[in-house]
Amino acid sequence: MNRLTYLARSIAVIFLAMSIVANHAQAQPSLQQASKEAQTRVVKVYGAGGIAGLEAYQSGFLISPEGHIATAWSYVLDVEPTIVLNDGRRFDSTIVGFEPALDLAVLKIDASGLPFFRIDDEIEVNWGDPVLAVSNLFNIAAGQEPASVMQGSIASVSTLDARRGTFKTPYRGTVYILDLVANNPGAAGGALVNINGQLIGMLGKELRDRTTGVWLNYALPASALRKTLGDIIAGRVTEGIDPEEPLLARDKSHSLATIGLVLIPDILESTPAYVDDVTENSLAAKARLQPDDLILLINGRRVDGQRSIRRLLRTIDKRDPVELTIQRASEIIPVVINP
């Protein structure tokens, strides 16, 4: 083979390789496009905080065109939060429902025609898959500025059950351990998407190993949240207070006094129902309620704040038991108060 023939064949092989690479690149999804699409669906959430080093912001993402938003259930939602969309528009929101055991809440804003993530898609996720974490970590985006996007991969698909007592969280189930530093202040409730821009998980709250000090970077799988999200949007959820429901006479109904509970000072529009003190030898004391317990449900009905707990107790005959669901530290505990 002469030199000219060899050179010609070499050039042909090079062009063939370049063509294969180019065609392969064109066939691959664009991370830039996935990031851009995810940005339009991720929102900034501003609520309670600002004291004792607690940030007053986190992230969320749209799950319906009518303004339903999935986010992490946290102290930030102790007041009805303000939502800032990707285009800078601001909305007041209401809490539609929440599931403390999943660290999940759903908010609603008065809007329509919004871009959103589909939550009914079954998407396979495996170890090593490339992912994007989209959130408002460190409050870098207060208005129409783009949220943060971090690129990484799924380090492992594991469970938090084995970490009971190590990481303080009520969630017990499968998580995606991430090979990127995703769980920072403000990132909780953000979206984890694949290279096609599809939602595969929700970024969890900051978790730190109390023994080693190691931070866990993780996301809750969308598959674990799908049913609860669908139930909340469809209205198949725990209901809160009905303002039209008749109340029993005060001498015939339960109250905080008859149970033996003292809550923290009621100074906000919807002050959380944290227990400040338990009266000695009271019904609450016999049920082993403790200071700092947070009351979430009464007889299966959502407690939105201290004003709603007082009204809900007025609907229960004092001769009947009261079923509470409380959060104590990171545990969700059912408690029955018997008269």
C-alpha atoms as a PDB file:
ATOM      1  CA  MET A   1       0.000   0.000   0.000  1.00  0.00           C
ATOM      2  CA  ASN A   2       1.505   3.336  -1.052  1.00  0.00           C
ATOM      3  CA  ARG A   3       1.544   6.359   1.213  1.00  0.00           C
ATOM      4  CA  LEU A   4      -1.242   8.179  -0.635  1.00  0.00           C
ATOM      5  CA  THR A   5      -3.602   5.215  -0.364  1.00  0.00           C
ATOM      6  CA  TYR A   6      -2.778   4.780   3.335  1.00  0.00           C
ATOM      7  CA  LEU A   7      -3.344   8.496   3.992  1.00  0.00           C
ATOM      8  CA  ALA A   8      -6.644   8.484   2.118  1.00  0.00           C
ATOM      9  CA  ARG A   9      -7.912   5.481   4.089  1.00  0.00           C
ATOM     10  CA  SER A  10      -6.780   7.050   7.385  1.00  0.00           C
ATOM     11  CA  ILE A  11      -8.640  10.247   6.585  1.00  0.00           C
ATOM     12  CA  ALA A  12     -11.749   8.243   5.693  1.00  0.00           C
ATOM     13  CA  VAL A  13     -11.580   6.361   9.010  1.00  0.00           C
ATOM     14  CA  ILE A  14     -11.201   9.653  10.920  1.00  0.00           C
ATOM     15  CA  PHE A  15     -14.205  11.201   9.170  1.00  0.00           C
ATOM     16  CA  LEU A  16     -16.232   8.032   9.810  1.00  0.00           C
ATOM     17  CA  ALA A  17     -15.370   8.165  13.529  1.00  0.00           C
ATOM     18  CA  MET A  18     -16.235  11.861  13.706  1.00  0.00           C
ATOM     19  CA  SER A  19     -19.559  11.156  12.010  1.00  0.00           C
ATOM     20  CA  ILE A  20     -20.375   8.370  14.486  1.00  0.00           C
ATOM     21  CA  VAL A  21     -19.525  10.597  17.456  1.00  0.00           C
ATOM     22  CA  ALA A  22     -21.577  13.475  16.041  1.00  0.00           C
ATOM     23  CA  ASN A  23     -24.579  11.250  15.381  1.00  0.00           C
ATOM     24  CA  HIS A  24     -24.291   9.742  18.863  1.00  0.00           C
ATOM     25  CA  ALA A  25     -24.112  13.215  20.428  1.00  0.00           C
ATOM     26  CA  GLN A  26     -27.178  14.320  18.487  1.00  0.00           C
ATOM     27  CA  ALA A  27     -29.042  11.234  19.692  1.00  0.00           C
ATOM     28  CA  GLN A  28     -28.196  11.922  23.347  1.00  0.00           C
ATOM     29  CA  PRO A  29     -30.521  14.142  25.391  1.00  0.00           C
ATOM     30  CA  SER A  30     -29.220  17.632  26.052  1.00  0.00           C
ATOM     31  CA  LEU A  31     -28.380  18.378  29.697  1.00  0.00           C
ATOM     32  CA  GLN A  32     -28.783  22.044  28.885  1.00  0.00           C
ATOM     33  CA  GLN A  33     -32.295  21.447  27.575  1.00  0.00           C
ATOM     34  CA  ALA A  34     -33.195  19.275  30.578  1.00  0.00           C
ATOM     35  CA  SER A  35     -31.897  21.962  32.908  1.00  0.00           C
ATOM     36  CA  LYS A  36     -33.810  24.701  31.110  1.00  0.00           C
ATOM     37  CA  GLU A  37     -37.084  22.774  31.243  1.00  0.00           C
ATOM     38  CA  ALA A  38     -36.633  21.872  34.918  1.00  0.00           C
ATOM     39  CA  GLN A  39     -35.963  25.508  35.779  1.00  0.00           C
ATOM     40  CA  THR A  40     -39.448  26.513  34.624  1.00  0.00           C
ATOM     41  CA  ARG A  41     -41.019  23.938  36.954  1.00  0.00           C
ATOM     42  CA  VAL A  42     -39.000  24.635  40.124  1.00  0.00           C
ATOM     43  CA  VAL A  43     -40.228  27.356  42.516  1.00  0.00           C
ATOM     44  CA  LYS A  44     -38.850  29.277  45.483  1.00  0.00           C
ATOM     45  CA  VAL A  45     -40.708  28.897  48.783  1.00  0.00           C
ATOM     46  CA  TYR A  46     -40.525  31.604  51.482  1.00  0.00           C
ATOM     47  CA  GLY A  47     -42.113  31.148  54.890  1.00  0.00           C
ATOM     48  CA  ALA A  48     -41.236  30.882  58.581  1.00  0.00           C
ATOM     49  CA  GLY A  49     -37.699  31.058  59.878  1.00  0.00           C
ATOM     50  CA  GLY A  50     -35.141  33.752  60.436  1.00  0.00           C
ATOM     51  CA  ILE A  51     -34.496  32.929  64.106  1.00  0.00           C
ATOM     52  CA  ALA A  52     -32.003  30.601  65.772  1.00  0.00           C
ATOM     53  CA  GLY A  53     -30.188  30.250  62.459  1.00  0.00           C
ATOM     54  CA  LEU A  54     -33.209  28.788  60.681  1.00  0.00           C
ATOM     55  CA  GLU A  55     -33.485  29.691  57.012  1.00  0.00           C
ATOM     56  CA  ALA A  56     -36.878  31.074  55.975  1.00  0.00           C
ATOM     57  CA  TYR A  57     -36.781  29.537  52.501  1.00  0.00           C
ATOM     58  CA  GLN A  58     -36.709  26.251  50.635  1.00  0.00           C
ATOM     59  CA  SER A  59     -37.603  24.872  47.214  1.00  0.00           C
ATOM     60  CA  GLY A  60     -40.534  23.193  45.529  1.00  0.00           C
ATOM     61  CA  PHE A  61     -41.730  22.107  42.095  1.00  0.00           C
ATOM     62  CA  LEU A  62     -44.972  22.339  40.155  1.00  0.00           C
ATOM     63  CA  ILE A  63     -46.938  19.103  39.752  1.00  0.00           C
ATOM     64  CA  SER A  64     -50.056  20.417  38.006  1.00  0.00           C
ATOM     65  CA  PRO A  65     -50.889  23.240  35.573  1.00  0.00           C
ATOM     66  CA  GLU A  66     -53.325  24.613  38.193  1.00  0.00           C
ATOM     67  CA  GLY A  67     -50.549  25.545  40.619  1.00  0.00           C
ATOM     68  CA  HIS A  68     -50.111  22.508  42.869  1.00  0.00           C
ATOM     69  CA  ILE A  69     -46.600  22.456  44.318  1.00  0.00           C
ATOM     70  CA  ALA A  70     -44.729  19.610  45.994  1.00  0.00           C
ATOM     71  CA  THR A  71     -42.197  20.566  48.632  1.00  0.00           C
ATOM     72  CA  ALA A  72     -40.553  19.293  51.797  1.00  0.00           C
ATOM     73  CA  TRP A  73     -42.691  19.369  54.932  1.00  0.00           C
ATOM     74  CA  SER A  74     -40.782  21.601  57.358  1.00  0.00           C
ATOM     75  CA  TYR A  75     -40.933  24.527  59.787  1.00  0.00           C
ATOM     76  CA  VAL A  76     -40.824  26.882  56.781  1.00  0.00           C
ATOM     77  CA  LEU A  77     -44.481  25.956  56.226  1.00  0.00           C
ATOM     78  CA  ASP A  78     -45.487  26.995  59.752  1.00  0.00           C
ATOM     79  CA  VAL A  79     -46.894  30.101  58.068  1.00  0.00           C
ATOM     80  CA  GLU A  80     -48.556  30.073  54.664  1.00  0.00           C
ATOM     81  CA  PRO A  81     -45.567  30.625  52.396  1.00  0.00           C
ATOM     82  CA  THR A  82     -45.000  32.953  49.452  1.00  0.00           C
ATOM     83  CA  ILE A  83     -44.171  31.251  46.167  1.00  0.00           C
ATOM     84  CA  VAL A  84     -41.891  32.801  43.555  1.00  0.00           C
ATOM     85  CA  LEU A  85     -42.058  31.278  40.074  1.00  0.00           C
ATOM     86  CA  ASN A  86     -39.213  30.986  37.607  1.00  0.00           C
ATOM     87  CA  ASP A  87     -40.416  34.124  35.792  1.00  0.00           C
ATOM     88  CA  GLY A  88     -40.401  36.163  39.028  1.00  0.00           C
ATOM     89  CA  ARG A  89     -44.164  36.209  39.678  1.00  0.00           C
ATOM     90  CA  ARG A  90     -45.134  35.992  43.366  1.00  0.00           C
ATOM     91  CA  PHE A  91     -48.165  34.217  44.825  1.00  0.00           C
ATOM     92  CA  ASP A  92     -49.582  33.584  48.255  1.00  0.00           C
ATOM     93  CA  SER A  93     -50.103  29.879  48.821  1.00  0.00           C
ATOM     94  CA  THR A  94     -52.213  27.587  50.951  1.00  0.00           C
ATOM     95  CA  ILE A  95     -51.330  24.168  52.311  1.00  0.00           C
ATOM     96  CA  VAL A  96     -53.526  21.587  50.594  1.00  0.00           C
ATOM     97  CA  GLY A  97     -52.207  18.575  52.466  1.00  0.00           C
ATOM     98  CA  PHE A  98     -49.143  16.984  53.939  1.00  0.00           C
ATOM     99  CA  GLU A  99     -47.732  13.614  54.924  1.00  0.00           C
ATOM    100  CA  PRO A 100     -45.185  13.967  57.745  1.00  0.00           C
ATOM    101  CA  ALA A 101     -43.973  10.366  57.406  1.00  0.00           C
ATOM    102  CA  LEU A 102     -42.830  11.196  53.863  1.00  0.00           C
ATOM    103  CA  ASP A 103     -41.492  14.672  54.729  1.00  0.00           C
ATOM    104  CA  LEU A 104     -43.909  15.858  52.022  1.00  0.00           C
ATOM    105  CA  ALA A 105     -46.356  18.733  51.664  1.00  0.00           C
ATOM    106  CA  VAL A 106     -48.467  20.068  48.800  1.00  0.00           C
ATOM    107  CA  LEU A 107     -49.137  23.785  48.381  1.00  0.00           C
ATOM    108  CA  LYS A 108     -51.524  25.541  46.004  1.00  0.00           C
ATOM    109  CA  ILE A 109     -51.311  28.923  44.295  1.00  0.00           C
ATOM    110  CA  ASP A 110     -54.027  30.675  42.299  1.00  0.00           C
ATOM    111  CA  ALA A 111     -52.645  30.240  38.804  1.00  0.00           C
ATOM    112  CA  SER A 112     -53.236  28.163  35.691  1.00  0.00           C
ATOM    113  CA  GLY A 113     -51.508  27.067  32.520  1.00  0.00           C
ATOM    114  CA  LEU A 114     -48.219  26.487  34.333  1.00  0.00           C
ATOM    115  CA  PRO A 115     -45.450  24.128  33.222  1.00  0.00           C
ATOM    116  CA  PHE A 116     -45.246  21.126  35.545  1.00  0.00           C
ATOM    117  CA  PHE A 117     -43.613  17.771  36.173  1.00  0.00           C
ATOM    118  CA  ARG A 118     -45.713  14.698  35.468  1.00  0.00           C
ATOM    119  CA  ILE A 119     -45.935  12.497  38.552  1.00  0.00           C
ATOM    120  CA  ASP A 120     -47.748   9.559  36.968  1.00  0.00           C
ATOM    121  CA  ASP A 121     -44.819   8.394  34.829  1.00  0.00           C
ATOM    122  CA  GLU A 122     -42.986   5.209  35.826  1.00  0.00           C
ATOM    123  CA  ILE A 123     -39.310   5.982  35.269  1.00  0.00           C
ATOM    124  CA  GLU A 124     -36.549   3.454  35.837  1.00  0.00           C
ATOM    125  CA  VAL A 125     -33.670   4.719  37.968  1.00  0.00           C
ATOM    126  CA  ASN A 126     -30.428   2.799  38.452  1.00  0.00           C
ATOM    127  CA  TRP A 127     -27.065   3.187  40.142  1.00  0.00           C
ATOM    128  CA  GLY A 128     -24.752   5.370  38.082  1.00  0.00           C
ATOM    129  CA  ASP A 129     -27.494   7.231  36.193  1.00  0.00           C
ATOM    130  CA  PRO A 130     -26.609  10.889  35.510  1.00  0.00           C
ATOM    131  CA  VAL A 131     -28.930  13.369  37.234  1.00  0.00           C
ATOM    132  CA  LEU A 132     -29.527  17.078  37.753  1.00  0.00           C
ATOM    133  CA  ALA A 133     -30.485  18.570  41.127  1.00  0.00           C
ATOM    134  CA  VAL A 134     -32.448  21.814  40.682  1.00  0.00           C
ATOM    135  CA  SER A 135     -33.196  23.980  43.735  1.00  0.00           C
ATOM    136  CA  ASN A 136     -32.855  27.383  45.357  1.00  0.00           C
ATOM    137  CA  LEU A 137     -29.995  26.426  47.610  1.00  0.00           C
ATOM    138  CA  PHE A 138     -28.512  29.295  49.654  1.00  0.00           C
ATOM    139  CA  ASN A 139     -31.341  31.536  48.348  1.00  0.00           C
ATOM    140  CA  ILE A 140     -29.312  32.425  45.281  1.00  0.00           C
ATOM    141  CA  ALA A 141     -32.508  33.141  43.318  1.00  0.00           C
ATOM    142  CA  ALA A 142     -34.961  35.532  44.957  1.00  0.00           C
ATOM    143  CA  GLY A 143     -36.870  36.544  41.829  1.00  0.00           C
ATOM    144  CA  GLN A 144     -36.641  35.572  38.189  1.00  0.00           C
ATOM    145  CA  GLU A 145     -32.994  34.539  38.508  1.00  0.00           C
ATOM    146  CA  PRO A 146     -32.472  30.876  37.595  1.00  0.00           C
ATOM    147  CA  ALA A 147     -32.315  28.337  40.394  1.00  0.00           C
ATOM    148  CA  SER A 148     -29.174  26.345  41.033  1.00  0.00           C
ATOM    149  CA  VAL A 149     -28.449  23.292  38.899  1.00  0.00           C
ATOM    150  CA  MET A 150     -25.969  20.650  40.027  1.00  0.00           C
ATOM    151  CA  GLN A 151     -24.866  17.745  37.857  1.00  0.00           C
ATOM    152  CA  GLY A 152     -23.967  14.365  39.295  1.00  0.00           C
ATOM    153  CA  SER A 153     -25.117  10.783  39.425  1.00  0.00           C
ATOM    154  CA  ILE A 154     -26.947   8.216  41.525  1.00  0.00           C
ATOM    155  CA  ALA A 155     -24.288   6.822  43.877  1.00  0.00           C
ATOM    156  CA  SER A 156     -26.592   4.116  45.227  1.00  0.00           C
ATOM    157  CA  VAL A 157     -30.210   3.185  45.821  1.00  0.00           C
ATOM    158  CA  SER A 158     -30.442   2.577  49.548  1.00  0.00           C
ATOM    159  CA  THR A 159     -32.815   2.820  52.514  1.00  0.00           C
ATOM    160  CA  LEU A 160     -32.952   5.055  55.550  1.00  0.00           C
ATOM    161  CA  ASP A 161     -34.229   2.188  57.720  1.00  0.00           C
ATOM    162  CA  ALA A 162     -30.672   1.146  58.432  1.00  0.00           C
ATOM    163  CA  ARG A 163     -29.896   4.666  59.577  1.00  0.00           C
ATOM    164  CA  ARG A 164     -32.551   4.836  62.308  1.00  0.00           C
ATOM    165  CA  GLY A 165     -31.108   6.806  65.205  1.00  0.00           C
ATOM    166  CA  THR A 166     -28.238   8.054  63.056  1.00  0.00           C
ATOM    167  CA  PHE A 167     -30.053  10.614  60.910  1.00  0.00           C
ATOM    168  CA  LYS A 168     -32.984  12.550  62.413  1.00  0.00           C
ATOM    169  CA  THR A 169     -35.844  12.143  59.962  1.00  0.00           C
ATOM    170  CA  PRO A 170     -39.331  10.585  60.109  1.00  0.00           C
ATOM    171  CA  TYR A 171     -38.894   9.111  56.623  1.00  0.00           C
ATOM    172  CA  ARG A 172     -38.198   5.397  56.491  1.00  0.00           C
ATOM    173  CA  GLY A 173     -37.841   4.048  53.009  1.00  0.00           C
ATOM    174  CA  THR A 174     -35.847   3.967  49.790  1.00  0.00           C
ATOM    175  CA  VAL A 175     -33.704   6.955  48.882  1.00  0.00           C
ATOM    176  CA  TYR A 176     -31.335   7.847  46.093  1.00  0.00           C
ATOM    177  CA  ILE A 177     -27.887   8.557  47.525  1.00  0.00           C
ATOM    178  CA  LEU A 178     -26.402  11.274  45.314  1.00  0.00           C
ATOM    179  CA  ASP A 179     -22.870  11.759  44.087  1.00  0.00           C
ATOM    180  CA  LEU A 180     -23.167  15.545  44.396  1.00  0.00           C
ATOM    181  CA  VAL A 181     -23.528  17.988  47.273  1.00  0.00           C
ATOM    182  CA  ALA A 182     -27.247  18.584  46.828  1.00  0.00           C
ATOM    183  CA  ASN A 183     -28.680  18.857  50.351  1.00  0.00           C
ATOM    184  CA  ASN A 184     -27.762  22.394  51.390  1.00  0.00           C
ATOM    185  CA  PRO A 185     -29.806  25.160  53.080  1.00  0.00           C
ATOM    186  CA  GLY A 186     -32.771  25.986  50.840  1.00  0.00           C
ATOM    187  CA  ALA A 187     -32.441  22.913  48.639  1.00  0.00           C
ATOM    188  CA  ALA A 188     -35.063  20.828  50.451  1.00  0.00           C
ATOM    189  CA  GLY A 189     -38.063  20.211  48.214  1.00  0.00           C
ATOM    190  CA  GLY A 190     -36.102  20.775  45.013  1.00  0.00           C
ATOM    191  CA  ALA A 191     -36.370  18.526  41.959  1.00  0.00           C
ATOM    192  CA  LEU A 192     -34.098  15.674  40.954  1.00  0.00           C
ATOM    193  CA  VAL A 193     -34.388  15.019  37.219  1.00  0.00           C
ATOM    194  CA  ASN A 194     -32.784  12.666  34.738  1.00  0.00           C
ATOM    195  CA  ILE A 195     -31.065  13.678  31.512  1.00  0.00           C
ATOM    196  CA  ASN A 196     -34.441  13.680  29.763  1.00  0.00           C
ATOM    197  CA  GLY A 197     -35.697  16.334  32.195  1.00  0.00           C
ATOM    198  CA  GLN A 198     -38.130  13.894  33.834  1.00  0.00           C
ATOM    199  CA  LEU A 199     -38.802  14.099  37.562  1.00  0.00           C
ATOM    200  CA  ILE A 200     -37.292  11.157  39.438  1.00  0.00           C
ATOM    201  CA  GLY A 201     -37.169  12.491  42.999  1.00  0.00           C
ATOM    202  CA  MET A 202     -37.467  15.288  45.538  1.00  0.00           C
ATOM    203  CA  LEU A 203     -34.384  16.602  47.309  1.00  0.00           C
ATOM    204  CA  GLY A 204     -34.561  15.828  51.017  1.00  0.00           C
ATOM    205  CA  LYS A 205     -33.821  18.013  54.012  1.00  0.00           C
ATOM    206  CA  GLU A 206     -30.337  18.342  55.417  1.00  0.00           C
ATOM    207  CA  LEU A 207     -29.361  15.204  57.322  1.00  0.00           C
ATOM    208  CA  ARG A 208     -26.206  14.950  59.360  1.00  0.00           C
ATOM    209  CA  ASP A 209     -24.841  11.881  61.092  1.00  0.00           C
ATOM    210  CA  ARG A 210     -24.897  12.832  64.765  1.00  0.00           C
ATOM    211  CA  THR A 211     -21.903  10.578  65.468  1.00  0.00           C
ATOM    212  CA  THR A 212     -19.544  11.260  62.573  1.00  0.00           C
ATOM    213  CA  GLY A 213     -20.810  14.669  61.415  1.00  0.00           C
ATOM    214  CA  VAL A 214     -21.059  13.388  57.830  1.00  0.00           C
ATOM    215  CA  TRP A 215     -23.798  14.990  55.697  1.00  0.00           C
ATOM    216  CA  LEU A 216     -26.050  12.761  53.602  1.00  0.00           C
ATOM    217  CA  ASN A 217     -26.903  13.886  50.088  1.00  0.00           C
ATOM    218  CA  TYR A 218     -30.095  12.158  49.015  1.00  0.00           C
ATOM    219  CA  ALA A 219     -33.471  12.418  47.295  1.00  0.00           C
ATOM    220  CA  LEU A 220     -36.801  10.728  47.942  1.00  0.00           C
ATOM    221  CA  PRO A 221     -37.908   8.754  44.856  1.00  0.00           C
ATOM    222  CA  ALA A 222     -40.870  10.161  42.966  1.00  0.00           C
ATOM    223  CA  SER A 223     -42.322   6.651  43.005  1.00  0.00           C
ATOM    224  CA  ALA A 224     -42.534   6.792  46.828  1.00  0.00           C
ATOM    225  CA  LEU A 225     -44.390  10.122  46.674  1.00  0.00           C
ATOM    226  CA  ARG A 226     -46.631   9.504  43.674  1.00  0.00           C
ATOM    227  CA  LYS A 227     -49.688   8.003  45.387  1.00  0.00           C
ATOM    228  CA  THR A 228     -49.749  10.568  48.196  1.00  0.00           C
ATOM    229  CA  LEU A 229     -49.334  13.451  45.752  1.00  0.00           C
ATOM    230  CA  GLY A 230     -52.154  12.100  43.604  1.00  0.00           C
ATOM    231  CA  ASP A 231     -54.415  11.644  46.630  1.00  0.00           C
ATOM    232  CA  ILE A 232     -53.769  15.169  47.864  1.00  0.00           C
ATOM    233  CA  ILE A 233     -54.428  16.765  44.472  1.00  0.00           C
ATOM    234  CA  ALA A 234     -57.591  14.681  44.026  1.00  0.00           C
ATOM    235  CA  GLY A 235     -58.853  15.630  47.477  1.00  0.00           C
ATOM    236  CA  ARG A 236     -58.449  12.114  48.910  1.00  0.00           C
ATOM    237  CA  VAL A 237     -56.544  13.391  51.909  1.00  0.00           C
ATOM    238  CA  THR A 238     -56.939  14.137  55.566  1.00  0.00           C
ATOM    239  CA  GLU A 239     -59.280  17.091  55.901  1.00  0.00           C
ATOM    240  CA  GLY A 240     -58.714  20.022  58.175  1.00  0.00           C
ATOM    241  CA  ILE A 241     -61.216  22.147  60.024  1.00  0.00           C
ATOM    242  CA  ASP A 242     -64.656  22.805  58.551  1.00  0.00           C
ATOM    243  CA  PRO A 243     -65.723  26.342  59.518  1.00  0.00           C
ATOM    244  CA  GLU A 244     -69.380  25.333  59.048  1.00  0.00           C
ATOM    245  CA  GLU A 245     -69.207  22.386  61.428  1.00  0.00           C
ATOM    246  CA  PRO A 246     -71.311  22.977  64.567  1.00  0.00           C
ATOM    247  CA  LEU A 247     -69.528  23.180  67.904  1.00  0.00           C
ATOM    248  CA  LEU A 248     -70.528  21.515  71.140  1.00  0.00           C
ATOM    249  CA  ALA A 249     -71.156  23.568  74.259  1.00  0.00           C
ATOM    250  CA  ARG A 250     -67.947  24.291  76.132  1.00  0.00           C
ATOM    251  CA  ASP A 251     -69.025  22.246  79.142  1.00  0.00           C
ATOM    252  CA  LYS A 252     -69.709  19.230  76.905  1.00  0.00           C
ATOM    253  CA  SER A 253     -66.619  19.278  74.666  1.00  0.00           C
ATOM    254  CA  HIS A 254     -62.935  18.703  75.069  1.00  0.00           C
ATOM    255  CA  SER A 255     -60.546  21.624  75.340  1.00  0.00           C
ATOM    256  CA  LEU A 256     -56.847  22.120  75.949  1.00  0.00           C
ATOM    257  CA  ALA A 257     -57.675  22.613  79.632  1.00  0.00           C
ATOM    258  CA  THR A 258     -59.705  19.398  79.998  1.00  0.00           C
ATOM    259  CA  ILE A 259     -56.944  17.429  78.285  1.00  0.00           C
ATOM    260  CA  GLY A 260     -54.220  19.137  80.270  1.00  0.00           C
ATOM    261  CA  LEU A 261     -52.157  20.752  77.517  1.00  0.00           C
ATOM    262  CA  VAL A 262     -50.516  24.155  77.402  1.00  0.00           C
ATOM    263  CA  LEU A 263     -49.307  25.216  73.953  1.00  0.00           C
ATOM    264  CA  ILE A 264     -46.594  27.705  73.103  1.00  0.00           C
ATOM    265  CA  PRO A 265     -47.728  31.381  72.887  1.00  0.00           C
ATOM    266  CA  ASP A 266     -50.132  31.947  69.997  1.00  0.00           C
ATOM    267  CA  ILE A 267     -48.552  34.939  68.263  1.00  0.00           C
ATOM    268  CA  LEU A 268     -48.796  34.092  64.556  1.00  0.00           C
ATOM    269  CA  GLU A 269     -51.709  33.807  62.137  1.00  0.00           C
ATOM    270  CA  SER A 270     -51.281  30.030  62.327  1.00  0.00           C
ATOM    271  CA  THR A 271     -48.939  29.329  65.241  1.00  0.00           C
ATOM    272  CA  PRO A 272     -47.882  25.651  65.169  1.00  0.00           C
ATOM    273  CA  ALA A 273     -49.433  23.432  67.852  1.00  0.00           C
ATOM    274  CA  TYR A 274     -46.276  22.756  69.845  1.00  0.00           C
ATOM    275  CA  VAL A 275     -46.788  21.570  73.418  1.00  0.00           C
ATOM    276  CA  ASP A 276     -45.236  23.956  75.943  1.00  0.00           C
ATOM    277  CA  ASP A 277     -46.284  22.144  79.113  1.00  0.00           C
ATOM    278  CA  VAL A 278     -48.316  19.148  80.282  1.00  0.00           C
ATOM    279  CA  THR A 279     -50.469  19.509  83.400  1.00  0.00           C
ATOM    280  CA  GLU A 280     -49.519  17.057  86.124  1.00  0.00           C
ATOM    281  CA  ASN A 281     -51.869  14.043  86.477  1.00  0.00           C
ATOM    282  CA  SER A 282     -53.923  15.212  83.492  1.00  0.00           C
ATOM    283  CA  LEU A 283     -55.268  13.105  80.615  1.00  0.00           C
ATOM    284  CA  ALA A 284     -52.364  14.298  78.472  1.00  0.00           C
ATOM    285  CA  ALA A 285     -49.877  13.295  81.176  1.00  0.00           C
ATOM    286  CA  LYS A 286     -51.404   9.817  81.376  1.00  0.00           C
ATOM    287  CA  ALA A 287     -51.053   9.564  77.575  1.00  0.00           C
ATOM    288  CA  ARG A 288     -47.373  10.520  78.025  1.00  0.00           C
ATOM    289  CA  LEU A 289     -47.433  13.661  75.928  1.00  0.00           C
ATOM    290  CA  GLN A 290     -44.341  15.794  76.377  1.00  0.00           C
ATOM    291  CA  PRO A 291     -43.234  19.413  75.938  1.00  0.00           C
ATOM    292  CA  ASP A 292     -42.048  20.138  72.374  1.00  0.00           C
ATOM    293  CA  ASP A 293     -44.395  17.534  70.875  1.00  0.00           C
ATOM    294  CA  LEU A 294     -45.979  18.907  67.686  1.00  0.00           C
ATOM    295  CA  ILE A 295     -49.657  17.990  67.209  1.00  0.00           C
ATOM    296  CA  LEU A 296     -50.314  17.167  63.544  1.00  0.00           C
ATOM    297  CA  LEU A 297     -53.698  15.424  63.489  1.00  0.00           C
ATOM    298  CA  ILE A 298     -56.735  15.192  65.778  1.00  0.00           C
ATOM    299  CA  ASN A 299     -59.060  12.246  65.102  1.00  0.00           C
ATOM    300  CA  GLY A 300     -57.457  11.980  61.681  1.00  0.00           C
ATOM    301  CA  ARG A 301     -58.069  15.637  60.815  1.00  0.00           C
ATOM    302  CA  ARG A 302     -55.274  18.036  59.929  1.00  0.00           C
ATOM    303  CA  VAL A 303     -54.205  20.626  62.499  1.00  0.00           C
ATOM    304  CA  ASP A 304     -53.288  23.824  60.665  1.00  0.00           C
ATOM    305  CA  GLY A 305     -52.381  25.733  63.825  1.00  0.00           C
ATOM    306  CA  GLN A 306     -53.428  26.472  67.360  1.00  0.00           C
ATOM    307  CA  ARG A 307     -56.699  28.124  66.382  1.00  0.00           C
ATOM    308  CA  SER A 308     -57.784  25.052  64.466  1.00  0.00           C
ATOM    309  CA  ILE A 309     -56.852  22.711  67.316  1.00  0.00           C
ATOM    310  CA  ARG A 310     -59.095  24.624  69.693  1.00  0.00           C
ATOM    311  CA  ARG A 311     -61.997  24.441  67.242  1.00  0.00           C
ATOM    312  CA  LEU A 312     -61.448  20.753  66.491  1.00  0.00           C
ATOM    313  CA  LEU A 313     -61.531  19.927  70.202  1.00  0.00           C
ATOM    314  CA  ARG A 314     -64.876  21.765  70.458  1.00  0.00           C
ATOM    315  CA  THR A 315     -66.340  19.195  68.043  1.00  0.00           C
ATOM    316  CA  ILE A 316     -65.432  16.199  70.276  1.00  0.00           C
ATOM    317  CA  ASP A 317     -67.591  15.156  73.219  1.00  0.00           C
ATOM    318  CA  LYS A 318     -65.485  15.153  76.381  1.00  0.00           C
ATOM    319  CA  ARG A 319     -66.739  11.648  77.130  1.00  0.00           C
ATOM    320  CA  ASP A 320     -65.058  10.378  73.940  1.00  0.00           C
ATOM    321  CA  PRO A 321     -61.362   9.592  73.409  1.00  0.00           C
ATOM    322  CA  VAL A 322     -59.184  11.933  71.374  1.00  0.00           C
ATOM    323  CA  GLU A 323     -56.765  10.417  68.877  1.00  0.00           C
ATOM    324  CA  LEU A 324     -53.677  12.511  68.197  1.00  0.00           C
ATOM    325  CA  THR A 325     -50.846  12.135  65.737  1.00  0.00           C
ATOM    326  CA  ILE A 326     -47.762  13.944  66.969  1.00  0.00           C
ATOM    327  CA  GLN A 327     -44.211  14.512  65.865  1.00  0.00           C
ATOM    328  CA  ARG A 328     -41.618  14.055  68.588  1.00  0.00           C
ATOM    329  CA  ALA A 329     -38.171  14.963  67.304  1.00  0.00           C
ATOM    330  CA  SER A 330     -37.999  12.875  64.100  1.00  0.00           C
ATOM    331  CA  GLU A 331     -40.642  10.299  65.065  1.00  0.00           C
ATOM    332  CA  ILE A 332     -44.328  10.281  64.082  1.00  0.00           C
ATOM    333  CA  ILE A 333     -46.317   8.834  67.026  1.00  0.00           C
ATOM    334  CA  PRO A 334     -50.039   8.021  67.459  1.00  0.00           C
ATOM    335  CA  VAL A 335     -51.423   8.938  70.897  1.00  0.00           C
ATOM    336  CA  VAL A 336     -54.878   8.187  72.335  1.00  0.00           C
ATOM    337  CA  ILE A 337     -56.201  10.412  75.143  1.00  0.00           C
ATOM    338  CA  ASN A 338     -58.847   8.520  77.087  1.00  0.00           C
ATOM    339  CA  PRO A 339     -61.280  10.447  79.331  1.00  0.00           C
END
